[in-house]
Amino acid sequence: MRIFSPVIQGLGSALELYQARHRVLAENVANAETPGYRARDLEFGTALASAFERGTTSGRAAADVEPIVDARSVVKIDGNSVDLDTEMARLSENTMKIVALTRILTRKYEGLKAAIEGSRR
């Protein structure tokens, strides 16, 4: 018997991928002044589709995703392609998505908890 629906598993996978992207974006910010460093990102849409396709459960969604060099970024004279403003905007957007997914998952778990506690009465 499955306790967690595919929706909850999918939301969990999405949250893992957003957390992995957050780490990559934070690495970009940390290396903003490193000569030769190239900004990286995750192909989020592809990774999420792959996670749903495989039915990935918690703990596996982000494991198979490799960061790629962001081809859209402009390379400066020192070989670094990190634009701090762009990375901070991406981090902010990513944070909002993590917060939203966390709230949705919290509501889903509260619903499960209510169902379990209701069955005890």
PDB file of N, CA and C in Angstrom:
ATOM      1  N   MET A   1       0.844  -1.180   0.000  1.00  0.00           N
ATOM      2  CA  MET A   1       0.000   0.000   0.000  1.00  0.00           C
ATOM      3  C   MET A   1       0.887   1.240   0.000  1.00  0.00           C
ATOM      4  N   ARG A   2       0.567   2.153  -0.898  1.00  0.00           N
ATOM      5  CA  ARG A   2       1.336   3.383  -1.013  1.00  0.00           C
ATOM      6  C   ARG A   2       0.714   4.456  -0.134  1.00  0.00           C
ATOM      7  N   ILE A   3       1.514   4.993   0.771  1.00  0.00           N
ATOM      8  CA  ILE A   3       1.026   6.072   1.632  1.00  0.00           C
ATOM      9  C   ILE A   3       1.117   7.400   0.892  1.00  0.00           C
ATOM     10  N   PHE A   4       2.211   7.600   0.177  1.00  0.00           N
ATOM     11  CA  PHE A   4       2.439   8.872  -0.501  1.00  0.00           C
ATOM     12  C   PHE A   4       2.027   8.780  -1.958  1.00  0.00           C
ATOM     13  N   SER A   5       1.208   9.703  -2.373  1.00  0.00           N
ATOM     14  CA  SER A   5       0.716   9.712  -3.746  1.00  0.00           C
ATOM     15  C   SER A   5       1.820  10.152  -4.701  1.00  0.00           C
ATOM     16  N   PRO A   6       1.617   9.917  -5.991  1.00  0.00           N
ATOM     17  CA  PRO A   6       2.595  10.391  -6.983  1.00  0.00           C
ATOM     18  C   PRO A   6       2.761  11.912  -6.936  1.00  0.00           C
ATOM     19  N   VAL A   7       1.729  12.620  -6.522  1.00  0.00           N
ATOM     20  CA  VAL A   7       1.818  14.077  -6.415  1.00  0.00           C
ATOM     21  C   VAL A   7       2.830  14.462  -5.335  1.00  0.00           C
ATOM     22  N   ILE A   8       2.740  13.825  -4.183  1.00  0.00           N
ATOM     23  CA  ILE A   8       3.672  14.130  -3.100  1.00  0.00           C
ATOM     24  C   ILE A   8       5.085  13.741  -3.503  1.00  0.00           C
ATOM     25  N   GLN A   9       5.242  12.600  -4.155  1.00  0.00           N
ATOM     26  CA  GLN A   9       6.570  12.184  -4.619  1.00  0.00           C
ATOM     27  C   GLN A   9       7.114  13.159  -5.659  1.00  0.00           C
ATOM     28  N   GLY A  10       6.254  13.613  -6.552  1.00  0.00           N
ATOM     29  CA  GLY A  10       6.669  14.581  -7.569  1.00  0.00           C
ATOM     30  C   GLY A  10       7.068  15.910  -6.957  1.00  0.00           C
ATOM     31  N   LEU A  11       6.295  16.368  -5.978  1.00  0.00           N
ATOM     32  CA  LEU A  11       6.645  17.615  -5.292  1.00  0.00           C
ATOM     33  C   LEU A  11       7.976  17.472  -4.555  1.00  0.00           C
ATOM     34  N   GLY A  12       8.194  16.306  -3.962  1.00  0.00           N
ATOM     35  CA  GLY A  12       9.462  16.051  -3.282  1.00  0.00           C
ATOM     36  C   GLY A  12      10.635  16.068  -4.254  1.00  0.00           C
ATOM     37  N   SER A  13      10.446  15.468  -5.411  1.00  0.00           N
ATOM     38  CA  SER A  13      11.497  15.465  -6.439  1.00  0.00           C
ATOM     39  C   SER A  13      11.780  16.880  -6.921  1.00  0.00           C
ATOM     40  N   ALA A  14      10.724  17.654  -7.141  1.00  0.00           N
ATOM     41  CA  ALA A  14      10.903  19.042  -7.573  1.00  0.00           C
ATOM     42  C   ALA A  14      11.658  19.837  -6.517  1.00  0.00           C
ATOM     43  N   LEU A  15      11.326  19.629  -5.260  1.00  0.00           N
ATOM     44  CA  LEU A  15      12.009  20.336  -4.174  1.00  0.00           C
ATOM     45  C   LEU A  15      13.494  19.963  -4.141  1.00  0.00           C
ATOM     46  N   GLU A  16      13.800  18.688  -4.316  1.00  0.00           N
ATOM     47  CA  GLU A  16      15.204  18.259  -4.349  1.00  0.00           C
ATOM     48  C   GLU A  16      15.961  18.925  -5.499  1.00  0.00           C
ATOM     49  N   LEU A  17      15.320  19.023  -6.654  1.00  0.00           N
ATOM     50  CA  LEU A  17      15.971  19.643  -7.805  1.00  0.00           C
ATOM     51  C   LEU A  17      16.191  21.137  -7.583  1.00  0.00           C
ATOM     52  N   TYR A  18      15.205  21.813  -6.995  1.00  0.00           N
ATOM     53  CA  TYR A  18      15.381  23.242  -6.695  1.00  0.00           C
ATOM     54  C   TYR A  18      16.491  23.441  -5.668  1.00  0.00           C
ATOM     55  N   GLN A  19      16.623  22.548  -4.717  1.00  0.00           N
ATOM     56  CA  GLN A  19      17.702  22.655  -3.739  1.00  0.00           C
ATOM     57  C   GLN A  19      19.062  22.432  -4.410  1.00  0.00           C
ATOM     58  N   ALA A  20      19.132  21.481  -5.333  1.00  0.00           N
ATOM     59  CA  ALA A  20      20.375  21.244  -6.069  1.00  0.00           C
ATOM     60  C   ALA A  20      20.729  22.468  -6.909  1.00  0.00           C
ATOM     61  N   ARG A  21      19.722  23.076  -7.534  1.00  0.00           N
ATOM     62  CA  ARG A  21      19.971  24.287  -8.334  1.00  0.00           C
ATOM     63  C   ARG A  21      20.448  25.420  -7.436  1.00  0.00           C
ATOM     64  N   HIS A  22      19.901  25.502  -6.236  1.00  0.00           N
ATOM     65  CA  HIS A  22      20.303  26.542  -5.298  1.00  0.00           C
ATOM     66  C   HIS A  22      21.799  26.410  -4.967  1.00  0.00           C
ATOM     67  N   ARG A  23      22.254  25.180  -4.761  1.00  0.00           N
ATOM     68  CA  ARG A  23      23.680  24.958  -4.485  1.00  0.00           C
ATOM     69  C   ARG A  23      24.548  25.409  -5.660  1.00  0.00           C
ATOM     70  N   VAL A  24      24.125  25.091  -6.882  1.00  0.00           N
ATOM     71  CA  VAL A  24      24.887  25.470  -8.073  1.00  0.00           C
ATOM     72  C   VAL A  24      24.943  26.993  -8.207  1.00  0.00           C
ATOM     73  N   LEU A  25      23.805  27.660  -8.010  1.00  0.00           N
ATOM     74  CA  LEU A  25      23.767  29.118  -8.110  1.00  0.00           C
ATOM     75  C   LEU A  25      24.608  29.777  -7.025  1.00  0.00           C
ATOM     76  N   ALA A  26      24.591  29.203  -5.818  1.00  0.00           N
ATOM     77  CA  ALA A  26      25.407  29.733  -4.728  1.00  0.00           C
ATOM     78  C   ALA A  26      26.896  29.565  -5.053  1.00  0.00           C
ATOM     79  N   GLU A  27      27.266  28.459  -5.693  1.00  0.00           N
ATOM     80  CA  GLU A  27      28.657  28.270  -6.120  1.00  0.00           C
ATOM     81  C   GLU A  27      29.054  29.337  -7.135  1.00  0.00           C
ATOM     82  N   ASN A  28      28.127  29.685  -8.030  1.00  0.00           N
ATOM     83  CA  ASN A  28      28.410  30.742  -8.998  1.00  0.00           C
ATOM     84  C   ASN A  28      28.711  32.056  -8.286  1.00  0.00           C
ATOM     85  N   VAL A  29      27.886  32.404  -7.311  1.00  0.00           N
ATOM     86  CA  VAL A  29      28.086  33.648  -6.562  1.00  0.00           C
ATOM     87  C   VAL A  29      29.429  33.606  -5.835  1.00  0.00           C
ATOM     88  N   ALA A  30      29.744  32.473  -5.225  1.00  0.00           N
ATOM     89  CA  ALA A  30      30.998  32.345  -4.483  1.00  0.00           C
ATOM     90  C   ALA A  30      32.218  32.480  -5.392  1.00  0.00           C
ATOM     91  N   ASN A  31      32.062  32.141  -6.660  1.00  0.00           N
ATOM     92  CA  ASN A  31      33.180  32.203  -7.602  1.00  0.00           C
ATOM     93  C   ASN A  31      33.089  33.382  -8.565  1.00  0.00           C
ATOM     94  N   ALA A  32      32.359  34.418  -8.185  1.00  0.00           N
ATOM     95  CA  ALA A  32      32.158  35.574  -9.058  1.00  0.00           C
ATOM     96  C   ALA A  32      33.467  36.271  -9.422  1.00  0.00           C
ATOM     97  N   GLU A  33      34.468  36.160  -8.580  1.00  0.00           N
ATOM     98  CA  GLU A  33      35.751  36.818  -8.829  1.00  0.00           C
ATOM     99  C   GLU A  33      36.865  35.840  -9.212  1.00  0.00           C
ATOM    100  N   THR A  34      36.528  34.582  -9.415  1.00  0.00           N
ATOM    101  CA  THR A  34      37.538  33.570  -9.749  1.00  0.00           C
ATOM    102  C   THR A  34      37.817  33.598 -11.250  1.00  0.00           C
ATOM    103  N   PRO A  35      39.047  33.933 -11.637  1.00  0.00           N
ATOM    104  CA  PRO A  35      39.373  33.955 -13.068  1.00  0.00           C
ATOM    105  C   PRO A  35      39.156  32.583 -13.710  1.00  0.00           C
ATOM    106  N   GLY A  36      38.533  32.593 -14.874  1.00  0.00           N
ATOM    107  CA  GLY A  36      38.313  31.362 -15.618  1.00  0.00           C
ATOM    108  C   GLY A  36      37.085  30.564 -15.206  1.00  0.00           C
ATOM    109  N   TYR A  37      36.414  30.972 -14.129  1.00  0.00           N
ATOM    110  CA  TYR A  37      35.229  30.220 -13.689  1.00  0.00           C
ATOM    111  C   TYR A  37      34.070  30.525 -14.626  1.00  0.00           C
ATOM    112  N   ARG A  38      33.369  29.486 -15.022  1.00  0.00           N
ATOM    113  CA  ARG A  38      32.207  29.640 -15.898  1.00  0.00           C
ATOM    114  C   ARG A  38      30.941  29.384 -15.102  1.00  0.00           C
ATOM    115  N   ALA A  39      29.982  30.281 -15.236  1.00  0.00           N
ATOM    116  CA  ALA A  39      28.698  30.138 -14.536  1.00  0.00           C
ATOM    117  C   ALA A  39      28.021  28.856 -14.995  1.00  0.00           C
ATOM    118  N   ARG A  40      27.401  28.166 -14.032  1.00  0.00           N
ATOM    119  CA  ARG A  40      26.722  26.904 -14.322  1.00  0.00           C
ATOM    120  C   ARG A  40      25.267  26.985 -13.866  1.00  0.00           C
ATOM    121  N   ASP A  41      24.476  26.073 -14.381  1.00  0.00           N
ATOM    122  CA  ASP A  41      23.072  25.978 -13.990  1.00  0.00           C
ATOM    123  C   ASP A  41      22.616  24.543 -14.258  1.00  0.00           C
ATOM    124  N   LEU A  42      21.408  24.240 -13.830  1.00  0.00           N
ATOM    125  CA  LEU A  42      20.820  22.931 -14.101  1.00  0.00           C
ATOM    126  C   LEU A  42      19.789  23.075 -15.211  1.00  0.00           C
ATOM    127  N   GLU A  43      19.687  22.079 -16.042  1.00  0.00           N
ATOM    128  CA  GLU A  43      18.593  22.023 -17.008  1.00  0.00           C
ATOM    129  C   GLU A  43      17.395  21.483 -16.245  1.00  0.00           C
ATOM    130  N   PHE A  44      16.695  22.381 -15.564  1.00  0.00           N
ATOM    131  CA  PHE A  44      15.683  21.983 -14.614  1.00  0.00           C
ATOM    132  C   PHE A  44      14.520  21.246 -15.261  1.00  0.00           C
ATOM    133  N   GLY A  45      14.033  21.758 -16.368  1.00  0.00           N
ATOM    134  CA  GLY A  45      12.890  21.125 -17.028  1.00  0.00           C
ATOM    135  C   GLY A  45      13.180  19.693 -17.431  1.00  0.00           C
ATOM    136  N   THR A  46      14.340  19.459 -18.008  1.00  0.00           N
ATOM    137  CA  THR A  46      14.735  18.120 -18.417  1.00  0.00           C
ATOM    138  C   THR A  46      14.892  17.202 -17.212  1.00  0.00           C
ATOM    139  N   ALA A  47      15.534  17.720 -16.157  1.00  0.00           N
ATOM    140  CA  ALA A  47      15.763  16.915 -14.954  1.00  0.00           C
ATOM    141  C   ALA A  47      14.449  16.547 -14.274  1.00  0.00           C
ATOM    142  N   LEU A  48      13.527  17.486 -14.194  1.00  0.00           N
ATOM    143  CA  LEU A  48      12.242  17.215 -13.548  1.00  0.00           C
ATOM    144  C   LEU A  48      11.429  16.210 -14.369  1.00  0.00           C
ATOM    145  N   ALA A  49      11.406  16.383 -15.682  1.00  0.00           N
ATOM    146  CA  ALA A  49      10.686  15.433 -16.537  1.00  0.00           C
ATOM    147  C   ALA A  49      11.273  14.036 -16.388  1.00  0.00           C
ATOM    148  N   SER A  50      12.599  13.956 -16.323  1.00  0.00           N
ATOM    149  CA  SER A  50      13.262  12.666 -16.154  1.00  0.00           C
ATOM    150  C   SER A  50      12.909  12.034 -14.813  1.00  0.00           C
ATOM    151  N   ALA A  51      12.849  12.848 -13.761  1.00  0.00           N
ATOM    152  CA  ALA A  51      12.508  12.330 -12.427  1.00  0.00           C
ATOM    153  C   ALA A  51      11.086  11.768 -12.413  1.00  0.00           C
ATOM    154  N   PHE A  52      10.148  12.479 -13.035  1.00  0.00           N
ATOM    155  CA  PHE A  52       8.773  11.998 -13.084  1.00  0.00           C
ATOM    156  C   PHE A  52       8.655  10.749 -13.958  1.00  0.00           C
ATOM    157  N   GLU A  53       9.409  10.731 -15.047  1.00  0.00           N
ATOM    158  CA  GLU A  53       9.375   9.602 -15.969  1.00  0.00           C
ATOM    159  C   GLU A  53       9.843   8.312 -15.290  1.00  0.00           C
ATOM    160  N   ARG A  54      10.902   8.434 -14.492  1.00  0.00           N
ATOM    161  CA  ARG A  54      11.446   7.268 -13.803  1.00  0.00           C
ATOM    162  C   ARG A  54      10.691   6.952 -12.528  1.00  0.00           C
ATOM    163  N   GLY A  55       9.816   7.852 -12.103  1.00  0.00           N
ATOM    164  CA  GLY A  55       9.118   7.645 -10.845  1.00  0.00           C
ATOM    165  C   GLY A  55      10.073   7.746  -9.671  1.00  0.00           C
ATOM    166  N   THR A  56      11.033   8.660  -9.781  1.00  0.00           N
ATOM    167  CA  THR A  56      12.063   8.808  -8.759  1.00  0.00           C
ATOM    168  C   THR A  56      11.441   9.132  -7.417  1.00  0.00           C
ATOM    169  N   THR A  57      11.912   8.446  -6.398  1.00  0.00           N
ATOM    170  CA  THR A  57      11.443   8.711  -5.050  1.00  0.00           C
ATOM    171  C   THR A  57      12.414   9.625  -4.339  1.00  0.00           C
ATOM    172  N   SER A  58      12.030  10.059  -3.171  1.00  0.00           N
ATOM    173  CA  SER A  58      12.815  11.011  -2.403  1.00  0.00           C
ATOM    174  C   SER A  58      14.258  10.553  -2.259  1.00  0.00           C
ATOM    175  N   GLY A  59      15.171  11.502  -2.441  1.00  0.00           N
ATOM    176  CA  GLY A  59      16.577  11.216  -2.288  1.00  0.00           C
ATOM    177  C   GLY A  59      17.290  10.866  -3.580  1.00  0.00           C
ATOM    178  N   ARG A  60      16.566  10.723  -4.684  1.00  0.00           N
ATOM    179  CA  ARG A  60      17.181  10.307  -5.941  1.00  0.00           C
ATOM    180  C   ARG A  60      17.085  11.344  -7.046  1.00  0.00           C
ATOM    181  N   ALA A  61      16.167  12.283  -6.960  1.00  0.00           N
ATOM    182  CA  ALA A  61      15.924  13.193  -8.079  1.00  0.00           C
ATOM    183  C   ALA A  61      17.151  14.008  -8.451  1.00  0.00           C
ATOM    184  N   ALA A  62      17.841  14.556  -7.472  1.00  0.00           N
ATOM    185  CA  ALA A  62      18.980  15.426  -7.745  1.00  0.00           C
ATOM    186  C   ALA A  62      20.274  14.659  -7.929  1.00  0.00           C
ATOM    187  N   ALA A  63      20.288  13.384  -7.611  1.00  0.00           N
ATOM    188  CA  ALA A  63      21.528  12.605  -7.660  1.00  0.00           C
ATOM    189  C   ALA A  63      22.071  12.445  -9.073  1.00  0.00           C
ATOM    190  N   ASP A  64      21.211  12.366 -10.066  1.00  0.00           N
ATOM    191  CA  ASP A  64      21.634  12.111 -11.436  1.00  0.00           C
ATOM    192  C   ASP A  64      21.791  13.376 -12.275  1.00  0.00           C
ATOM    193  N   VAL A  65      21.564  14.547 -11.683  1.00  0.00           N
ATOM    194  CA  VAL A  65      21.598  15.794 -12.427  1.00  0.00           C
ATOM    195  C   VAL A  65      22.990  16.421 -12.320  1.00  0.00           C
ATOM    196  N   GLU A  66      23.579  16.697 -13.462  1.00  0.00           N
ATOM    197  CA  GLU A  66      24.888  17.337 -13.502  1.00  0.00           C
ATOM    198  C   GLU A  66      24.722  18.784 -13.947  1.00  0.00           C
ATOM    199  N   PRO A  67      25.374  19.706 -13.255  1.00  0.00           N
ATOM    200  CA  PRO A  67      25.326  21.104 -13.698  1.00  0.00           C
ATOM    201  C   PRO A  67      26.011  21.249 -15.062  1.00  0.00           C
ATOM    202  N   ILE A  68      25.502  22.172 -15.844  1.00  0.00           N
ATOM    203  CA  ILE A  68      26.091  22.450 -17.154  1.00  0.00           C
ATOM    204  C   ILE A  68      26.529  23.905 -17.188  1.00  0.00           C
ATOM    205  N   VAL A  69      27.489  24.218 -18.046  1.00  0.00           N
ATOM    206  CA  VAL A  69      27.936  25.591 -18.204  1.00  0.00           C
ATOM    207  C   VAL A  69      26.807  26.378 -18.850  1.00  0.00           C
ATOM    208  N   ASP A  70      26.509  27.537 -18.280  1.00  0.00           N
ATOM    209  CA  ASP A  70      25.438  28.394 -18.782  1.00  0.00           C
ATOM    210  C   ASP A  70      25.911  29.088 -20.056  1.00  0.00           C
ATOM    211  N   ALA A  71      25.419  28.631 -21.198  1.00  0.00           N
ATOM    212  CA  ALA A  71      25.841  29.157 -22.497  1.00  0.00           C
ATOM    213  C   ALA A  71      25.353  30.575 -22.740  1.00  0.00           C
ATOM    214  N   ARG A  72      24.353  31.019 -21.988  1.00  0.00           N
ATOM    215  CA  ARG A  72      23.810  32.365 -22.172  1.00  0.00           C
ATOM    216  C   ARG A  72      24.673  33.443 -21.525  1.00  0.00           C
ATOM    217  N   SER A  73      25.566  33.059 -20.624  1.00  0.00           N
ATOM    218  CA  SER A  73      26.351  34.052 -19.893  1.00  0.00           C
ATOM    219  C   SER A  73      27.502  34.576 -20.744  1.00  0.00           C
ATOM    220  N   VAL A  74      27.817  35.850 -20.527  1.00  0.00           N
ATOM    221  CA  VAL A  74      28.877  36.519 -21.273  1.00  0.00           C
ATOM    222  C   VAL A  74      30.194  36.330 -20.527  1.00  0.00           C
ATOM    223  N   VAL A  75      31.215  35.936 -21.259  1.00  0.00           N
ATOM    224  CA  VAL A  75      32.529  35.709 -20.661  1.00  0.00           C
ATOM    225  C   VAL A  75      33.288  37.033 -20.629  1.00  0.00           C
ATOM    226  N   LYS A  76      33.786  37.388 -19.420  1.00  0.00           N
ATOM    227  CA  LYS A  76      34.562  38.615 -19.251  1.00  0.00           C
ATOM    228  C   LYS A  76      36.012  38.374 -19.669  1.00  0.00           C
ATOM    229  N   ILE A  77      36.794  39.410 -19.646  1.00  0.00           N
ATOM    230  CA  ILE A  77      38.181  39.333 -20.104  1.00  0.00           C
ATOM    231  C   ILE A  77      39.023  38.340 -19.300  1.00  0.00           C
ATOM    232  N   ASP A  78      38.692  38.130 -18.022  1.00  0.00           N
ATOM    233  CA  ASP A  78      39.460  37.189 -17.199  1.00  0.00           C
ATOM    234  C   ASP A  78      38.961  35.746 -17.343  1.00  0.00           C
ATOM    235  N   GLY A  79      37.989  35.522 -18.236  1.00  0.00           N
ATOM    236  CA  GLY A  79      37.467  34.183 -18.474  1.00  0.00           C
ATOM    237  C   GLY A  79      36.304  33.804 -17.572  1.00  0.00           C
ATOM    238  N   ASN A  80      35.948  34.672 -16.642  1.00  0.00           N
ATOM    239  CA  ASN A  80      34.834  34.425 -15.722  1.00  0.00           C
ATOM    240  C   ASN A  80      33.539  34.856 -16.397  1.00  0.00           C
ATOM    241  N   SER A  81      32.501  34.054 -16.249  1.00  0.00           N
ATOM    242  CA  SER A  81      31.218  34.383 -16.896  1.00  0.00           C
ATOM    243  C   SER A  81      30.098  34.640 -15.895  1.00  0.00           C
ATOM    244  N   VAL A  82      30.430  34.828 -14.612  1.00  0.00           N
ATOM    245  CA  VAL A  82      29.412  35.049 -13.594  1.00  0.00           C
ATOM    246  C   VAL A  82      29.010  36.521 -13.578  1.00  0.00           C
ATOM    247  N   ASP A  83      27.722  36.775 -13.773  1.00  0.00           N
ATOM    248  CA  ASP A  83      27.165  38.110 -13.593  1.00  0.00           C
ATOM    249  C   ASP A  83      26.438  38.093 -12.257  1.00  0.00           C
ATOM    250  N   LEU A  84      26.962  38.816 -11.291  1.00  0.00           N
ATOM    251  CA  LEU A  84      26.451  38.749  -9.929  1.00  0.00           C
ATOM    252  C   LEU A  84      24.970  39.133  -9.843  1.00  0.00           C
ATOM    253  N   ASP A  85      24.564  40.153 -10.586  1.00  0.00           N
ATOM    254  CA  ASP A  85      23.148  40.562 -10.558  1.00  0.00           C
ATOM    255  C   ASP A  85      22.234  39.455 -11.073  1.00  0.00           C
ATOM    256  N   THR A  86      22.634  38.811 -12.160  1.00  0.00           N
ATOM    257  CA  THR A  86      21.840  37.721 -12.726  1.00  0.00           C
ATOM    258  C   THR A  86      21.751  36.556 -11.751  1.00  0.00           C
ATOM    259  N   GLU A  87      22.881  36.197 -11.162  1.00  0.00           N
ATOM    260  CA  GLU A  87      22.898  35.066 -10.226  1.00  0.00           C
ATOM    261  C   GLU A  87      22.059  35.352  -8.986  1.00  0.00           C
ATOM    262  N   MET A  88      22.115  36.571  -8.469  1.00  0.00           N
ATOM    263  CA  MET A  88      21.315  36.922  -7.293  1.00  0.00           C
ATOM    264  C   MET A  88      19.820  36.893  -7.627  1.00  0.00           C
ATOM    265  N   ALA A  89      19.468  37.326  -8.836  1.00  0.00           N
ATOM    266  CA  ALA A  89      18.064  37.269  -9.252  1.00  0.00           C
ATOM    267  C   ALA A  89      17.607  35.813  -9.373  1.00  0.00           C
ATOM    268  N   ARG A  90      18.460  34.961  -9.932  1.00  0.00           N
ATOM    269  CA  ARG A  90      18.122  33.533 -10.055  1.00  0.00           C
ATOM    270  C   ARG A  90      17.986  32.888  -8.676  1.00  0.00           C
ATOM    271  N   LEU A  91      18.895  33.254  -7.757  1.00  0.00           N
ATOM    272  CA  LEU A  91      18.809  32.722  -6.393  1.00  0.00           C
ATOM    273  C   LEU A  91      17.512  33.144  -5.725  1.00  0.00           C
ATOM    274  N   SER A  92      17.133  34.402  -5.902  1.00  0.00           N
ATOM    275  CA  SER A  92      15.899  34.903  -5.297  1.00  0.00           C
ATOM    276  C   SER A  92      14.675  34.172  -5.849  1.00  0.00           C
ATOM    277  N   GLU A  93      14.623  34.015  -7.164  1.00  0.00           N
ATOM    278  CA  GLU A  93      13.510  33.299  -7.793  1.00  0.00           C
ATOM    279  C   GLU A  93      13.465  31.846  -7.329  1.00  0.00           C
ATOM    280  N   ASN A  94      14.628  31.224  -7.268  1.00  0.00           N
ATOM    281  CA  ASN A  94      14.715  29.831  -6.844  1.00  0.00           C
ATOM    282  C   ASN A  94      14.250  29.680  -5.394  1.00  0.00           C
ATOM    283  N   THR A  95      14.627  30.636  -4.542  1.00  0.00           N
ATOM    284  CA  THR A  95      14.213  30.616  -3.140  1.00  0.00           C
ATOM    285  C   THR A  95      12.695  30.683  -3.023  1.00  0.00           C
ATOM    286  N   MET A  96      12.075  31.556  -3.811  1.00  0.00           N
ATOM    287  CA  MET A  96      10.615  31.661  -3.768  1.00  0.00           C
ATOM    288  C   MET A  96       9.954  30.352  -4.169  1.00  0.00           C
ATOM    289  N   LYS A  97      10.521  29.664  -5.147  1.00  0.00           N
ATOM    290  CA  LYS A  97       9.962  28.385  -5.576  1.00  0.00           C
ATOM    291  C   LYS A  97      10.131  27.317  -4.501  1.00  0.00           C
ATOM    292  N   ILE A  98      11.266  27.317  -3.811  1.00  0.00           N
ATOM    293  CA  ILE A  98      11.488  26.373  -2.720  1.00  0.00           C
ATOM    294  C   ILE A  98      10.480  26.612  -1.602  1.00  0.00           C
ATOM    295  N   VAL A  99      10.266  27.878  -1.252  1.00  0.00           N
ATOM    296  CA  VAL A  99       9.305  28.215  -0.194  1.00  0.00           C
ATOM    297  C   VAL A  99       7.899  27.771  -0.596  1.00  0.00           C
ATOM    298  N   ALA A 100       7.519  28.032  -1.840  1.00  0.00           N
ATOM    299  CA  ALA A 100       6.183  27.653  -2.308  1.00  0.00           C
ATOM    300  C   ALA A 100       6.001  26.125  -2.267  1.00  0.00           C
ATOM    301  N   LEU A 101       6.987  25.385  -2.760  1.00  0.00           N
ATOM    302  CA  LEU A 101       6.888  23.918  -2.737  1.00  0.00           C
ATOM    303  C   LEU A 101       6.843  23.384  -1.313  1.00  0.00           C
ATOM    304  N   THR A 102       7.611  23.997  -0.438  1.00  0.00           N
ATOM    305  CA  THR A 102       7.610  23.572   0.963  1.00  0.00           C
ATOM    306  C   THR A 102       6.234  23.784   1.586  1.00  0.00           C
ATOM    307  N   ARG A 103       5.615  24.902   1.283  1.00  0.00           N
ATOM    308  CA  ARG A 103       4.269  25.168   1.812  1.00  0.00           C
ATOM    309  C   ARG A 103       3.248  24.173   1.263  1.00  0.00           C
ATOM    310  N   ILE A 104       3.352  23.862  -0.016  1.00  0.00           N
ATOM    311  CA  ILE A 104       2.423  22.904  -0.610  1.00  0.00           C
ATOM    312  C   ILE A 104       2.606  21.533   0.023  1.00  0.00           C
ATOM    313  N   LEU A 105       3.850  21.097   0.168  1.00  0.00           N
ATOM    314  CA  LEU A 105       4.114  19.803   0.789  1.00  0.00           C
ATOM    315  C   LEU A 105       3.635  19.770   2.237  1.00  0.00           C
ATOM    316  N   THR A 106       3.821  20.871   2.943  1.00  0.00           N
ATOM    317  CA  THR A 106       3.348  20.947   4.332  1.00  0.00           C
ATOM    318  C   THR A 106       1.845  20.733   4.393  1.00  0.00           C
ATOM    319  N   ARG A 107       1.118  21.353   3.486  1.00  0.00           N
ATOM    320  CA  ARG A 107      -0.342  21.179   3.458  1.00  0.00           C
ATOM    321  C   ARG A 107      -0.728  19.742   3.123  1.00  0.00           C
ATOM    322  N   LYS A 108       0.004  19.143   2.204  1.00  0.00           N
ATOM    323  CA  LYS A 108      -0.278  17.741   1.856  1.00  0.00           C
ATOM    324  C   LYS A 108      -0.063  16.832   3.056  1.00  0.00           C
ATOM    325  N   TYR A 109       1.046  17.042   3.774  1.00  0.00           N
ATOM    326  CA  TYR A 109       1.328  16.219   4.963  1.00  0.00           C
ATOM    327  C   TYR A 109       0.334  16.488   6.088  1.00  0.00           C
ATOM    328  N   GLU A 110      -0.099  17.738   6.221  1.00  0.00           N
ATOM    329  CA  GLU A 110      -1.123  18.050   7.223  1.00  0.00           C
ATOM    330  C   GLU A 110      -2.421  17.316   6.907  1.00  0.00           C
ATOM    331  N   GLY A 111      -2.748  17.206   5.605  1.00  0.00           N
ATOM    332  CA  GLY A 111      -3.930  16.457   5.187  1.00  0.00           C
ATOM    333  C   GLY A 111      -3.813  14.982   5.536  1.00  0.00           C
ATOM    334  N   LEU A 112      -2.632  14.417   5.308  1.00  0.00           N
ATOM    335  CA  LEU A 112      -2.406  13.015   5.682  1.00  0.00           C
ATOM    336  C   LEU A 112      -2.518  12.836   7.192  1.00  0.00           C
ATOM    337  N   LYS A 113      -1.939  13.771   7.928  1.00  0.00           N
ATOM    338  CA  LYS A 113      -1.989  13.697   9.388  1.00  0.00           C
ATOM    339  C   LYS A 113      -3.437  13.765   9.878  1.00  0.00           C
ATOM    340  N   ALA A 114      -4.219  14.664   9.297  1.00  0.00           N
ATOM    341  CA  ALA A 114      -5.626  14.795   9.678  1.00  0.00           C
ATOM    342  C   ALA A 114      -6.392  13.508   9.367  1.00  0.00           C
ATOM    343  N   ALA A 115      -6.081  12.893   8.229  1.00  0.00           N
ATOM    344  CA  ALA A 115      -6.752  11.644   7.874  1.00  0.00           C
ATOM    345  C   ALA A 115      -6.393  10.521   8.849  1.00  0.00           C
ATOM    346  N   ILE A 116      -5.135  10.467   9.249  1.00  0.00           N
ATOM    347  CA  ILE A 116      -4.701   9.441  10.186  1.00  0.00           C
ATOM    348  C   ILE A 116      -5.322   9.664  11.546  1.00  0.00           C
ATOM    349  N   GLU A 117      -5.292  10.907  12.009  1.00  0.00           N
ATOM    350  CA  GLU A 117      -5.870  11.203  13.333  1.00  0.00           C
ATOM    351  C   GLU A 117      -7.374  11.040  13.323  1.00  0.00           C
ATOM    352  N   GLY A 118      -8.006  11.310  12.198  1.00  0.00           N
ATOM    353  CA  GLY A 118      -9.460  11.140  12.097  1.00  0.00           C
ATOM    354  C   GLY A 118      -9.868   9.691  12.151  1.00  0.00           C
ATOM    355  N   SER A 119      -8.994   8.802  11.688  1.00  0.00           N
ATOM    356  CA  SER A 119      -9.318   7.376  11.681  1.00  0.00           C
ATOM    357  C   SER A 119      -9.219   6.772  13.100  1.00  0.00           C
ATOM    358  N   ARG A 120      -8.569   7.462  14.013  1.00  0.00           N
ATOM    359  CA  ARG A 120      -8.432   6.980  15.387  1.00  0.00           C
ATOM    360  C   ARG A 120      -9.684   7.224  16.218  1.00  0.00           C
ATOM    361  N   ARG A 121     -10.513   8.107  15.758  1.00  0.00           N
ATOM    362  CA  ARG A 121     -11.687   8.480  16.556  1.00  0.00           C
ATOM    363  C   ARG A 121     -12.801   7.513  16.449  1.00  0.00           C
TER     364      ARG A 121
END
